Amino acid sequence: MVGERAGELPAAAERVRAGRTVLAAAVEDGAVLCSGMQLPVGRVTEVAGVGALPAARRRGLALAVTAALVADAGTRGVDTVSSRRATTTWPGSTPASASRAWRRR
């Protein structure tokens, strides 16, 4: 699989350099424990792919990564941030709480 997708790396690196993909990570002792990204387009962005390793869960890392991405979006002139969760993993969550959109005021 990695060999088949190796050609995608230069395009992904170019998206990061151009600011069309923004990455954030929580790192401890050189190891990435949680990461995510945002995909800004004009004044709108989507925070996506935020996830933590199983051993690093329940430490607030996903919240911290998401907060860093949202803060970065604000510096880029974004005023609408959306995020969808494909699955819910927290107690008491509902489909309504699993899909969120925030608008800066």
PDB file of N, CA and C in Angstrom:
ATOM      1  N   MET A   1       0.822  -1.190   0.000  1.00  0.00           N
ATOM      2  CA  MET A   1       0.000   0.000   0.000  1.00  0.00           C
ATOM      3  C   MET A   1       0.866   1.254   0.000  1.00  0.00           C
ATOM      4  N   VAL A   2       1.889   1.315   0.839  1.00  0.00           N
ATOM      5  CA  VAL A   2       2.722   2.508   0.900  1.00  0.00           C
ATOM      6  C   VAL A   2       3.386   2.758  -0.445  1.00  0.00           C
ATOM      7  N   GLY A   3       3.915   1.731  -1.055  1.00  0.00           N
ATOM      8  CA  GLY A   3       4.566   1.884  -2.349  1.00  0.00           C
ATOM      9  C   GLY A   3       3.616   2.399  -3.410  1.00  0.00           C
ATOM     10  N   GLU A   4       2.368   1.951  -3.373  1.00  0.00           N
ATOM     11  CA  GLU A   4       1.371   2.387  -4.348  1.00  0.00           C
ATOM     12  C   GLU A   4       1.028   3.856  -4.184  1.00  0.00           C
ATOM     13  N   ARG A   5       1.113   4.377  -2.979  1.00  0.00           N
ATOM     14  CA  ARG A   5       0.698   5.755  -2.703  1.00  0.00           C
ATOM     15  C   ARG A   5       1.877   6.719  -2.580  1.00  0.00           C
ATOM     16  N   ALA A   6       3.088   6.231  -2.765  1.00  0.00           N
ATOM     17  CA  ALA A   6       4.269   7.078  -2.595  1.00  0.00           C
ATOM     18  C   ALA A   6       4.236   8.279  -3.525  1.00  0.00           C
ATOM     19  N   GLY A   7       3.651   8.157  -4.689  1.00  0.00           N
ATOM     20  CA  GLY A   7       3.567   9.264  -5.625  1.00  0.00           C
ATOM     21  C   GLY A   7       2.695  10.405  -5.130  1.00  0.00           C
ATOM     22  N   GLU A   8       1.854  10.151  -4.126  1.00  0.00           N
ATOM     23  CA  GLU A   8       0.987  11.192  -3.579  1.00  0.00           C
ATOM     24  C   GLU A   8       1.728  12.118  -2.621  1.00  0.00           C
ATOM     25  N   LEU A   9       2.877  11.708  -2.120  1.00  0.00           N
ATOM     26  CA  LEU A   9       3.592  12.511  -1.133  1.00  0.00           C
ATOM     27  C   LEU A   9       4.008  13.881  -1.655  1.00  0.00           C
ATOM     28  N   PRO A  10       4.562  14.003  -2.857  1.00  0.00           N
ATOM     29  CA  PRO A  10       4.915  15.349  -3.328  1.00  0.00           C
ATOM     30  C   PRO A  10       3.699  16.274  -3.423  1.00  0.00           C
ATOM     31  N   ALA A  11       2.564  15.771  -3.862  1.00  0.00           N
ATOM     32  CA  ALA A  11       1.356  16.596  -3.955  1.00  0.00           C
ATOM     33  C   ALA A  11       0.880  17.005  -2.568  1.00  0.00           C
ATOM     34  N   ALA A  12       0.946  16.106  -1.604  1.00  0.00           N
ATOM     35  CA  ALA A  12       0.537  16.423  -0.235  1.00  0.00           C
ATOM     36  C   ALA A  12       1.477  17.471   0.357  1.00  0.00           C
ATOM     37  N   ALA A  13       2.765  17.326   0.134  1.00  0.00           N
ATOM     38  CA  ALA A  13       3.734  18.302   0.642  1.00  0.00           C
ATOM     39  C   ALA A  13       3.475  19.676   0.029  1.00  0.00           C
ATOM     40  N   GLU A  14       3.130  19.727  -1.242  1.00  0.00           N
ATOM     41  CA  GLU A  14       2.829  21.003  -1.888  1.00  0.00           C
ATOM     42  C   GLU A  14       1.579  21.648  -1.290  1.00  0.00           C
ATOM     43  N   ARG A  15       0.545  20.840  -0.961  1.00  0.00           N
ATOM     44  CA  ARG A  15      -0.664  21.390  -0.318  1.00  0.00           C
ATOM     45  C   ARG A  15      -0.325  22.003   1.040  1.00  0.00           C
ATOM     46  N   VAL A  16       0.574  21.369   1.785  1.00  0.00           N
ATOM     47  CA  VAL A  16       0.986  21.900   3.089  1.00  0.00           C
ATOM     48  C   VAL A  16       1.766  23.197   2.884  1.00  0.00           C
ATOM     49  N   ARG A  17       2.737  23.196   1.962  1.00  0.00           N
ATOM     50  CA  ARG A  17       3.526  24.407   1.710  1.00  0.00           C
ATOM     51  C   ARG A  17       2.647  25.571   1.275  1.00  0.00           C
ATOM     52  N   ALA A  18       1.612  25.293   0.489  1.00  0.00           N
ATOM     53  CA  ALA A  18       0.730  26.345  -0.026  1.00  0.00           C
ATOM     54  C   ALA A  18      -0.338  26.761   0.989  1.00  0.00           C
ATOM     55  N   GLY A  19      -0.431  26.060   2.123  1.00  0.00           N
ATOM     56  CA  GLY A  19      -1.424  26.395   3.146  1.00  0.00           C
ATOM     57  C   GLY A  19      -2.801  25.846   2.846  1.00  0.00           C
ATOM     58  N   ARG A  20      -2.925  24.959   1.856  1.00  0.00           N
ATOM     59  CA  ARG A  20      -4.228  24.351   1.558  1.00  0.00           C
ATOM     60  C   ARG A  20      -4.534  23.168   2.469  1.00  0.00           C
ATOM     61  N   THR A  21      -3.522  22.656   3.145  1.00  0.00           N
ATOM     62  CA  THR A  21      -3.669  21.655   4.197  1.00  0.00           C
ATOM     63  C   THR A  21      -2.803  22.117   5.358  1.00  0.00           C
ATOM     64  N   VAL A  22      -3.385  22.184   6.545  1.00  0.00           N
ATOM     65  CA  VAL A  22      -2.660  22.621   7.740  1.00  0.00           C
ATOM     66  C   VAL A  22      -2.688  21.470   8.733  1.00  0.00           C
ATOM     67  N   LEU A  23      -1.530  21.075   9.209  1.00  0.00           N
ATOM     68  CA  LEU A  23      -1.407  19.949  10.134  1.00  0.00           C
ATOM     69  C   LEU A  23      -1.087  20.431  11.543  1.00  0.00           C
ATOM     70  N   ALA A  24      -1.550  19.684  12.529  1.00  0.00           N
ATOM     71  CA  ALA A  24      -1.198  19.924  13.928  1.00  0.00           C
ATOM     72  C   ALA A  24      -1.035  18.579  14.613  1.00  0.00           C
ATOM     73  N   ALA A  25      -0.169  18.543  15.606  1.00  0.00           N
ATOM     74  CA  ALA A  25       0.066  17.277  16.309  1.00  0.00           C
ATOM     75  C   ALA A  25       0.422  17.533  17.765  1.00  0.00           C
ATOM     76  N   ALA A  26       0.081  16.576  18.600  1.00  0.00           N
ATOM     77  CA  ALA A  26       0.530  16.539  19.991  1.00  0.00           C
ATOM     78  C   ALA A  26       1.659  15.512  20.036  1.00  0.00           C
ATOM     79  N   VAL A  27       2.827  15.962  20.436  1.00  0.00           N
ATOM     80  CA  VAL A  27       4.024  15.118  20.404  1.00  0.00           C
ATOM     81  C   VAL A  27       4.600  15.008  21.805  1.00  0.00           C
ATOM     82  N   GLU A  28       4.998  13.806  22.154  1.00  0.00           N
ATOM     83  CA  GLU A  28       5.636  13.566  23.450  1.00  0.00           C
ATOM     84  C   GLU A  28       6.836  12.664  23.237  1.00  0.00           C
ATOM     85  N   ASP A  29       7.991  13.089  23.708  1.00  0.00           N
ATOM     86  CA  ASP A  29       9.241  12.323  23.559  1.00  0.00           C
ATOM     87  C   ASP A  29       9.488  11.930  22.104  1.00  0.00           C
ATOM     88  N   GLY A  30       9.174  12.842  21.186  1.00  0.00           N
ATOM     89  CA  GLY A  30       9.421  12.603  19.770  1.00  0.00           C
ATOM     90  C   GLY A  30       8.388  11.739  19.064  1.00  0.00           C
ATOM     91  N   ALA A  31       7.363  11.303  19.780  1.00  0.00           N
ATOM     92  CA  ALA A  31       6.330  10.447  19.180  1.00  0.00           C
ATOM     93  C   ALA A  31       5.024  11.233  19.037  1.00  0.00           C
ATOM     94  N   VAL A  32       4.400  11.120  17.874  1.00  0.00           N
ATOM     95  CA  VAL A  32       3.106  11.760  17.654  1.00  0.00           C
ATOM     96  C   VAL A  32       2.036  10.937  18.357  1.00  0.00           C
ATOM     97  N   LEU A  33       1.328  11.560  19.295  1.00  0.00           N
ATOM     98  CA  LEU A  33       0.269  10.872  20.034  1.00  0.00           C
ATOM     99  C   LEU A  33      -1.116  11.186  19.471  1.00  0.00           C
ATOM    100  N   CYS A  34      -1.242  12.362  18.854  1.00  0.00           N
ATOM    101  CA  CYS A  34      -2.521  12.797  18.311  1.00  0.00           C
ATOM    102  C   CYS A  34      -2.219  13.769  17.176  1.00  0.00           C
ATOM    103  N   SER A  35      -3.020  13.710  16.125  1.00  0.00           N
ATOM    104  CA  SER A  35      -2.820  14.650  15.029  1.00  0.00           C
ATOM    105  C   SER A  35      -4.147  14.956  14.359  1.00  0.00           C
ATOM    106  N   GLY A  36      -4.134  15.987  13.550  1.00  0.00           N
ATOM    107  CA  GLY A  36      -5.312  16.370  12.792  1.00  0.00           C
ATOM    108  C   GLY A  36      -4.925  17.384  11.737  1.00  0.00           C
ATOM    109  N   MET A  37      -5.906  17.807  10.959  1.00  0.00           N
ATOM    110  CA  MET A  37      -5.623  18.773   9.909  1.00  0.00           C
ATOM    111  C   MET A  37      -6.832  19.663   9.673  1.00  0.00           C
ATOM    112  N   GLN A  38      -6.586  20.754   8.996  1.00  0.00           N
ATOM    113  CA  GLN A  38      -7.671  21.596   8.530  1.00  0.00           C
ATOM    114  C   GLN A  38      -7.434  21.868   7.048  1.00  0.00           C
ATOM    115  N   LEU A  39      -8.532  22.111   6.355  1.00  0.00           N
ATOM    116  CA  LEU A  39      -8.489  22.294   4.906  1.00  0.00           C
ATOM    117  C   LEU A  39      -9.149  23.630   4.564  1.00  0.00           C
ATOM    118  N   PRO A  40      -8.407  24.738   4.705  1.00  0.00           N
ATOM    119  CA  PRO A  40      -9.014  26.047   4.490  1.00  0.00           C
ATOM    120  C   PRO A  40      -9.258  26.353   3.013  1.00  0.00           C
ATOM    121  N   VAL A  41     -10.417  26.945   2.760  1.00  0.00           N
ATOM    122  CA  VAL A  41     -10.768  27.449   1.432  1.00  0.00           C
ATOM    123  C   VAL A  41     -11.438  28.799   1.659  1.00  0.00           C
ATOM    124  N   GLY A  42     -10.739  29.857   1.352  1.00  0.00           N
ATOM    125  CA  GLY A  42     -11.286  31.185   1.591  1.00  0.00           C
ATOM    126  C   GLY A  42     -11.526  31.414   3.069  1.00  0.00           C
ATOM    127  N   ARG A  43     -12.760  31.768   3.408  1.00  0.00           N
ATOM    128  CA  ARG A  43     -13.094  32.076   4.807  1.00  0.00           C
ATOM    129  C   ARG A  43     -13.708  30.886   5.545  1.00  0.00           C
ATOM    130  N   VAL A  44     -13.597  29.700   4.954  1.00  0.00           N
ATOM    131  CA  VAL A  44     -14.181  28.484   5.537  1.00  0.00           C
ATOM    132  C   VAL A  44     -13.095  27.421   5.628  1.00  0.00           C
ATOM    133  N   THR A  45     -13.152  26.601   6.685  1.00  0.00           N
ATOM    134  CA  THR A  45     -12.234  25.470   6.785  1.00  0.00           C
ATOM    135  C   THR A  45     -12.948  24.292   7.426  1.00  0.00           C
ATOM    136  N   GLU A  46     -12.439  23.117   7.171  1.00  0.00           N
ATOM    137  CA  GLU A  46     -12.926  21.919   7.849  1.00  0.00           C
ATOM    138  C   GLU A  46     -11.785  21.325   8.652  1.00  0.00           C
ATOM    139  N   VAL A  47     -12.035  21.055   9.924  1.00  0.00           N
ATOM    140  CA  VAL A  47     -11.081  20.325  10.750  1.00  0.00           C
ATOM    141  C   VAL A  47     -11.412  18.849  10.557  1.00  0.00           C
ATOM    142  N   ALA A  48     -10.397  18.073  10.218  1.00  0.00           N
ATOM    143  CA  ALA A  48     -10.642  16.668   9.866  1.00  0.00           C
ATOM    144  C   ALA A  48      -9.519  15.774  10.384  1.00  0.00           C
ATOM    145  N   GLY A  49      -9.839  14.523  10.488  1.00  0.00           N
ATOM    146  CA  GLY A  49      -8.837  13.511  10.799  1.00  0.00           C
ATOM    147  C   GLY A  49      -8.185  13.635  12.159  1.00  0.00           C
ATOM    148  N   VAL A  50      -8.857  14.247  13.114  1.00  0.00           N
ATOM    149  CA  VAL A  50      -8.264  14.370  14.450  1.00  0.00           C
ATOM    150  C   VAL A  50      -8.425  13.030  15.162  1.00  0.00           C
ATOM    151  N   GLY A  51      -7.313  12.491  15.595  1.00  0.00           N
ATOM    152  CA  GLY A  51      -7.363  11.212  16.285  1.00  0.00           C
ATOM    153  C   GLY A  51      -6.136  11.007  17.144  1.00  0.00           C
ATOM    154  N   ALA A  52      -6.325  10.279  18.227  1.00  0.00           N
ATOM    155  CA  ALA A  52      -5.236   9.993  19.169  1.00  0.00           C
ATOM    156  C   ALA A  52      -4.988   8.488  19.209  1.00  0.00           C
ATOM    157  N   LEU A  53      -3.749   8.140  19.461  1.00  0.00           N
ATOM    158  CA  LEU A  53      -3.431   6.730  19.662  1.00  0.00           C
ATOM    159  C   LEU A  53      -4.218   6.212  20.862  1.00  0.00           C
ATOM    160  N   PRO A  54      -4.620   4.946  20.847  1.00  0.00           N
ATOM    161  CA  PRO A  54      -5.400   4.404  21.969  1.00  0.00           C
ATOM    162  C   PRO A  54      -4.732   4.627  23.326  1.00  0.00           C
ATOM    163  N   ALA A  55      -3.439   4.471  23.406  1.00  0.00           N
ATOM    164  CA  ALA A  55      -2.745   4.633  24.695  1.00  0.00           C
ATOM    165  C   ALA A  55      -2.700   6.092  25.147  1.00  0.00           C
ATOM    166  N   ALA A  56      -2.994   7.032  24.237  1.00  0.00           N
ATOM    167  CA  ALA A  56      -2.917   8.457  24.572  1.00  0.00           C
ATOM    168  C   ALA A  56      -4.292   9.095  24.732  1.00  0.00           C
ATOM    169  N   ARG A  57      -5.319   8.306  24.696  1.00  0.00           N
ATOM    170  CA  ARG A  57      -6.664   8.858  24.804  1.00  0.00           C
ATOM    171  C   ARG A  57      -6.995   9.266  26.235  1.00  0.00           C
ATOM    172  N   ARG A  58      -8.043  10.101  26.369  1.00  0.00           N
ATOM    173  CA  ARG A  58      -8.549  10.573  27.659  1.00  0.00           C
ATOM    174  C   ARG A  58      -7.569  11.536  28.334  1.00  0.00           C
ATOM    175  N   ARG A  59      -6.749  12.216  27.509  1.00  0.00           N
ATOM    176  CA  ARG A  59      -5.787  13.188  28.040  1.00  0.00           C
ATOM    177  C   ARG A  59      -6.046  14.589  27.491  1.00  0.00           C
ATOM    178  N   GLY A  60      -7.093  14.749  26.688  1.00  0.00           N
ATOM    179  CA  GLY A  60      -7.401  16.061  26.131  1.00  0.00           C
ATOM    180  C   GLY A  60      -6.578  16.433  24.916  1.00  0.00           C
ATOM    181  N   LEU A  61      -5.863  15.477  24.359  1.00  0.00           N
ATOM    182  CA  LEU A  61      -4.996  15.790  23.223  1.00  0.00           C
ATOM    183  C   LEU A  61      -5.786  16.154  21.968  1.00  0.00           C
ATOM    184  N   ALA A  62      -6.880  15.446  21.706  1.00  0.00           N
ATOM    185  CA  ALA A  62      -7.691  15.766  20.524  1.00  0.00           C
ATOM    186  C   ALA A  62      -8.284  17.168  20.657  1.00  0.00           C
ATOM    187  N   LEU A  63      -8.703  17.525  21.850  1.00  0.00           N
ATOM    188  CA  LEU A  63      -9.207  18.874  22.091  1.00  0.00           C
ATOM    189  C   LEU A  63      -8.110  19.902  21.837  1.00  0.00           C
ATOM    190  N   ALA A  64      -6.913  19.641  22.326  1.00  0.00           N
ATOM    191  CA  ALA A  64      -5.804  20.577  22.146  1.00  0.00           C
ATOM    192  C   ALA A  64      -5.431  20.730  20.676  1.00  0.00           C
ATOM    193  N   VAL A  65      -5.401  19.621  19.949  1.00  0.00           N
ATOM    194  CA  VAL A  65      -5.079  19.682  18.520  1.00  0.00           C
ATOM    195  C   VAL A  65      -6.171  20.446  17.778  1.00  0.00           C
ATOM    196  N   THR A  66      -7.427  20.150  18.096  1.00  0.00           N
ATOM    197  CA  THR A  66      -8.538  20.858  17.453  1.00  0.00           C
ATOM    198  C   THR A  66      -8.471  22.348  17.765  1.00  0.00           C
ATOM    199  N   ALA A  67      -8.217  22.704  19.006  1.00  0.00           N
ATOM    200  CA  ALA A  67      -8.122  24.114  19.398  1.00  0.00           C
ATOM    201  C   ALA A  67      -6.986  24.811  18.644  1.00  0.00           C
ATOM    202  N   ALA A  68      -5.859  24.139  18.490  1.00  0.00           N
ATOM    203  CA  ALA A  68      -4.734  24.723  17.751  1.00  0.00           C
ATOM    204  C   ALA A  68      -5.103  24.958  16.290  1.00  0.00           C
ATOM    205  N   LEU A  69      -5.819  24.010  15.696  1.00  0.00           N
ATOM    206  CA  LEU A  69      -6.238  24.166  14.299  1.00  0.00           C
ATOM    207  C   LEU A  69      -7.238  25.307  14.139  1.00  0.00           C
ATOM    208  N   VAL A  70      -8.179  25.420  15.070  1.00  0.00           N
ATOM    209  CA  VAL A  70      -9.169  26.502  15.020  1.00  0.00           C
ATOM    210  C   VAL A  70      -8.477  27.850  15.217  1.00  0.00           C
ATOM    211  N   ALA A  71      -7.536  27.929  16.156  1.00  0.00           N
ATOM    212  CA  ALA A  71      -6.804  29.178  16.376  1.00  0.00           C
ATOM    213  C   ALA A  71      -6.022  29.565  15.122  1.00  0.00           C
ATOM    214  N   ASP A  72      -5.376  28.598  14.503  1.00  0.00           N
ATOM    215  CA  ASP A  72      -4.638  28.864  13.278  1.00  0.00           C
ATOM    216  C   ASP A  72      -5.573  29.349  12.173  1.00  0.00           C
ATOM    217  N   ALA A  73      -6.748  28.743  12.090  1.00  0.00           N
ATOM    218  CA  ALA A  73      -7.723  29.159  11.067  1.00  0.00           C
ATOM    219  C   ALA A  73      -8.070  30.633  11.239  1.00  0.00           C
ATOM    220  N   GLY A  74      -8.219  31.077  12.484  1.00  0.00           N
ATOM    221  CA  GLY A  74      -8.528  32.477  12.743  1.00  0.00           C
ATOM    222  C   GLY A  74      -7.447  33.411  12.235  1.00  0.00           C
ATOM    223  N   THR A  75      -6.188  32.984  12.333  1.00  0.00           N
ATOM    224  CA  THR A  75      -5.094  33.827  11.840  1.00  0.00           C
ATOM    225  C   THR A  75      -5.074  33.895  10.321  1.00  0.00           C
ATOM    226  N   ARG A  76      -5.766  32.983   9.662  1.00  0.00           N
ATOM    227  CA  ARG A  76      -5.825  32.942   8.200  1.00  0.00           C
ATOM    228  C   ARG A  76      -7.070  33.644   7.659  1.00  0.00           C
ATOM    229  N   GLY A  77      -7.832  34.292   8.539  1.00  0.00           N
ATOM    230  CA  GLY A  77      -9.019  35.001   8.086  1.00  0.00           C
ATOM    231  C   GLY A  77     -10.255  34.132   7.956  1.00  0.00           C
ATOM    232  N   VAL A  78     -10.186  32.910   8.452  1.00  0.00           N
ATOM    233  CA  VAL A  78     -11.333  32.009   8.418  1.00  0.00           C
ATOM    234  C   VAL A  78     -12.347  32.450   9.457  1.00  0.00           C
ATOM    235  N   ASP A  79     -13.624  32.482   9.096  1.00  0.00           N
ATOM    236  CA  ASP A  79     -14.649  32.802  10.090  1.00  0.00           C
ATOM    237  C   ASP A  79     -15.665  31.689  10.277  1.00  0.00           C
ATOM    238  N   THR A  80     -15.550  30.602   9.499  1.00  0.00           N
ATOM    239  CA  THR A  80     -16.419  29.443   9.685  1.00  0.00           C
ATOM    240  C   THR A  80     -15.563  28.187   9.709  1.00  0.00           C
ATOM    241  N   VAL A  81     -15.692  27.424  10.795  1.00  0.00           N
ATOM    242  CA  VAL A  81     -14.959  26.169  10.954  1.00  0.00           C
ATOM    243  C   VAL A  81     -15.979  25.054  11.126  1.00  0.00           C
ATOM    244  N   SER A  82     -15.843  24.005  10.345  1.00  0.00           N
ATOM    245  CA  SER A  82     -16.746  22.864  10.515  1.00  0.00           C
ATOM    246  C   SER A  82     -15.933  21.627  10.844  1.00  0.00           C
ATOM    247  N   SER A  83     -16.610  20.681  11.463  1.00  0.00           N
ATOM    248  CA  SER A  83     -15.984  19.408  11.808  1.00  0.00           C
ATOM    249  C   SER A  83     -17.079  18.367  11.915  1.00  0.00           C
ATOM    250  N   ARG A  84     -16.850  17.225  11.342  1.00  0.00           N
ATOM    251  CA  ARG A  84     -17.811  16.122  11.461  1.00  0.00           C
ATOM    252  C   ARG A  84     -17.099  14.917  12.020  1.00  0.00           C
ATOM    253  N   ARG A  85     -17.789  14.205  12.861  1.00  0.00           N
ATOM    254  CA  ARG A  85     -17.259  12.942  13.383  1.00  0.00           C
ATOM    255  C   ARG A  85     -18.022  11.810  12.710  1.00  0.00           C
ATOM    256  N   ALA A  86     -17.302  10.888  12.162  1.00  0.00           N
ATOM    257  CA  ALA A  86     -17.947   9.748  11.522  1.00  0.00           C
ATOM    258  C   ALA A  86     -18.521   8.797  12.565  1.00  0.00           C
ATOM    259  N   THR A  87     -17.869   8.741  13.701  1.00  0.00           N
ATOM    260  CA  THR A  87     -18.349   7.874  14.779  1.00  0.00           C
ATOM    261  C   THR A  87     -18.338   8.655  16.080  1.00  0.00           C
ATOM    262  N   THR A  88     -19.162   8.246  17.000  1.00  0.00           N
ATOM    263  CA  THR A  88     -19.163   8.864  18.312  1.00  0.00           C
ATOM    264  C   THR A  88     -18.544   7.894  19.294  1.00  0.00           C
ATOM    265  N   THR A  89     -17.679   8.407  20.148  1.00  0.00           N
ATOM    266  CA  THR A  89     -16.971   7.518  21.069  1.00  0.00           C
ATOM    267  C   THR A  89     -17.039   7.987  22.506  1.00  0.00           C
ATOM    268  N   TRP A  90     -17.824   9.018  22.778  1.00  0.00           N
ATOM    269  CA  TRP A  90     -17.882   9.503  24.149  1.00  0.00           C
ATOM    270  C   TRP A  90     -19.245   9.203  24.743  1.00  0.00           C
ATOM    271  N   PRO A  91     -19.322   8.988  26.041  1.00  0.00           N
ATOM    272  CA  PRO A  91     -20.596   8.650  26.681  1.00  0.00           C
ATOM    273  C   PRO A  91     -21.627   9.764  26.505  1.00  0.00           C
ATOM    274  N   GLY A  92     -22.847   9.386  26.201  1.00  0.00           N
ATOM    275  CA  GLY A  92     -23.930  10.344  26.098  1.00  0.00           C
ATOM    276  C   GLY A  92     -23.975  11.112  24.800  1.00  0.00           C
ATOM    277  N   SER A  93     -23.095  10.781  23.843  1.00  0.00           N
ATOM    278  CA  SER A  93     -23.109  11.529  22.593  1.00  0.00           C
ATOM    279  C   SER A  93     -24.306  11.111  21.745  1.00  0.00           C
ATOM    280  N   THR A  94     -24.745  12.020  20.925  1.00  0.00           N
ATOM    281  CA  THR A  94     -25.869  11.777  20.028  1.00  0.00           C
ATOM    282  C   THR A  94     -25.457  12.190  18.622  1.00  0.00           C
ATOM    283  N   PRO A  95     -26.218  11.776  17.607  1.00  0.00           N
ATOM    284  CA  PRO A  95     -25.872  12.242  16.259  1.00  0.00           C
ATOM    285  C   PRO A  95     -25.804  13.765  16.167  1.00  0.00           C
ATOM    286  N   ALA A  96     -26.656  14.468  16.907  1.00  0.00           N
ATOM    287  CA  ALA A  96     -26.630  15.933  16.873  1.00  0.00           C
ATOM    288  C   ALA A  96     -25.336  16.478  17.467  1.00  0.00           C
ATOM    289  N   SER A  97     -24.816  15.825  18.504  1.00  0.00           N
ATOM    290  CA  SER A  97     -23.583  16.322  19.103  1.00  0.00           C
ATOM    291  C   SER A  97     -22.359  15.845  18.341  1.00  0.00           C
ATOM    292  N   ALA A  98     -22.525  14.909  17.435  1.00  0.00           N
ATOM    293  CA  ALA A  98     -21.402  14.382  16.688  1.00  0.00           C
ATOM    294  C   ALA A  98     -21.057  15.226  15.474  1.00  0.00           C
ATOM    295  N   SER A  99     -21.914  16.112  15.070  1.00  0.00           N
ATOM    296  CA  SER A  99     -21.647  17.001  13.938  1.00  0.00           C
ATOM    297  C   SER A  99     -21.794  18.432  14.417  1.00  0.00           C
ATOM    298  N   ARG A 100     -20.732  19.220  14.241  1.00  0.00           N
ATOM    299  CA  ARG A 100     -20.724  20.561  14.781  1.00  0.00           C
ATOM    300  C   ARG A 100     -20.235  21.567  13.745  1.00  0.00           C
ATOM    301  N   ALA A 101     -20.694  22.789  13.874  1.00  0.00           N
ATOM    302  CA  ALA A 101     -20.138  23.890  13.092  1.00  0.00           C
ATOM    303  C   ALA A 101     -20.026  25.098  14.009  1.00  0.00           C
ATOM    304  N   TRP A 102     -18.919  25.793  13.927  1.00  0.00           N
ATOM    305  CA  TRP A 102     -18.692  26.974  14.744  1.00  0.00           C
ATOM    306  C   TRP A 102     -18.558  28.169  13.821  1.00  0.00           C
ATOM    307  N   ARG A 103     -19.146  29.271  14.192  1.00  0.00           N
ATOM    308  CA  ARG A 103     -18.996  30.506  13.437  1.00  0.00           C
ATOM    309  C   ARG A 103     -18.419  31.558  14.378  1.00  0.00           C
ATOM    310  N   ARG A 104     -17.280  32.132  13.987  1.00  0.00           N
ATOM    311  CA  ARG A 104     -16.673  33.194  14.792  1.00  0.00           C
ATOM    312  C   ARG A 104     -17.565  34.410  14.741  1.00  0.00           C
ATOM    313  N   ARG A 105     -17.693  35.084  15.854  1.00  0.00           N
ATOM    314  CA  ARG A 105     -18.529  36.284  15.912  1.00  0.00           C
ATOM    315  C   ARG A 105     -17.663  37.512  16.025  1.00  0.00           C
TER     316      ARG A 105
END
